[in-house]
Amino acid sequence: MISAIAPEVGVIIANHNNRDFVADAMVSVARQTVRNVRVMVVDDGSTDDSDKVIRDALSRLDDRRFDYLKLDRNIGQAGALRRGLQVLKTPFVCFLDSDDFWYENFVARQLAVHLNADYPVALTYCDSHIVDAGARLLAGTAWWFAAAPTNGSPRVIDPALVPEIDPESGCLTYCSTKAPTLYPHWSTEWSSNSMAAMMFRREFVDLVLVPPDDALRLYVDFYLSTFASLFTGAIAIPESLYAYRMHGKNKHSNGAVLGGSYNSSRKRWEPIRDAVLRLILQVLQRDSEELRIAFGDFRCDQALFQLRTALKGSLSMSKGRSRLQELLFGGRDVNNC
């Protein structure tokens, strides 16, 4: 048997006006079974009393692995994460949204899958539970997790994915037996999960997280996961290792958990998706030399082709929708009909 020492993992908790939840996020990191972590809490110019809540939590935890940086003004998600990365010097990094929280084995499971002896990737990501503001469970999975095309045929749900409920405590226990899945190539049908689901190789993040702060104030998770899938592939972990909290004031997920392929947000996803894809395309074209050195000509050319094809198809569909809207609604905005 060959033994080795596991690398250190960096964690950034970026917070903006989440005073009600940020302490729970911090505690969930402190309780990780893997102890070799460094944590940077970044308050991104909050206007509530998050600063006091964070300082009180740090005092209670009394954990030397935690550091804190308070920004004087709000600079957005990418900027806040970059400020944290300037302090952390770890080979693997995770970004925990301050209104979500991890289960105790999150880092251990993610790191173990990253260090598999089959195929290294830039990104691993997991499934999640969906909970409300009080951390009460609303759904046992994010339905879009590792989504793949389906023809809608009936299928059996594995009994291991149905929880046991303790009649006295009301606690639920899941026992997943599925193996991680490697997705070696990106496609428009592929889907990962939210920011708190992911662990990245640090050098990959440093290479691609280069847009200005104002260009990526939100949706850094979609930006980084798409980039990773395009260039290295990604590994999905079919276990809910954290809780995604839908508390009514989420910056994106302001919808309801309706069951089925529901929309977690009332915002239209297509314009957001296309804006991020265009930003990735700009970075690919501008930083072509560095990316070709890192990943080779074939992977870069393939990524450029895939992005251009996806954006061209999206533009074609948009024109079709505009024509259909004109015919059906006389040019009125369908969202207002």
Foldseek 3Di string as FASTA:
>chain_A
DDDDDFWEEEEEAEDAQPLLFQLQAVVLVCLAPDNRYAYEYEYQQHPDVNVVSVVVSCVVSVDPSYDYHYDNHHLFDLVRVVVVVVPDDTQKYAYAYSNKHFHRHQVVVQSVVCPDPPFHFFKEFEWAFEAESVRHTDGQTDVLAQFDDDPPDDDDDPPLQDWDADPPPRDTDHGDDDDKDWLFADAPSTDHDDRRGMMGGPVLCVLQSDDGSVLPRDDVVVLSVRVRRLFGTYIYDHHHRIYDYQHCPDPAQNDDCPDDNDRSGPDDVLVVNLSSLVVSLVCCVVVVVVVCVVRNDVSSVSSNVNSVVVNVVSVVVVVVVQVVCCVPPVRDDPVVD
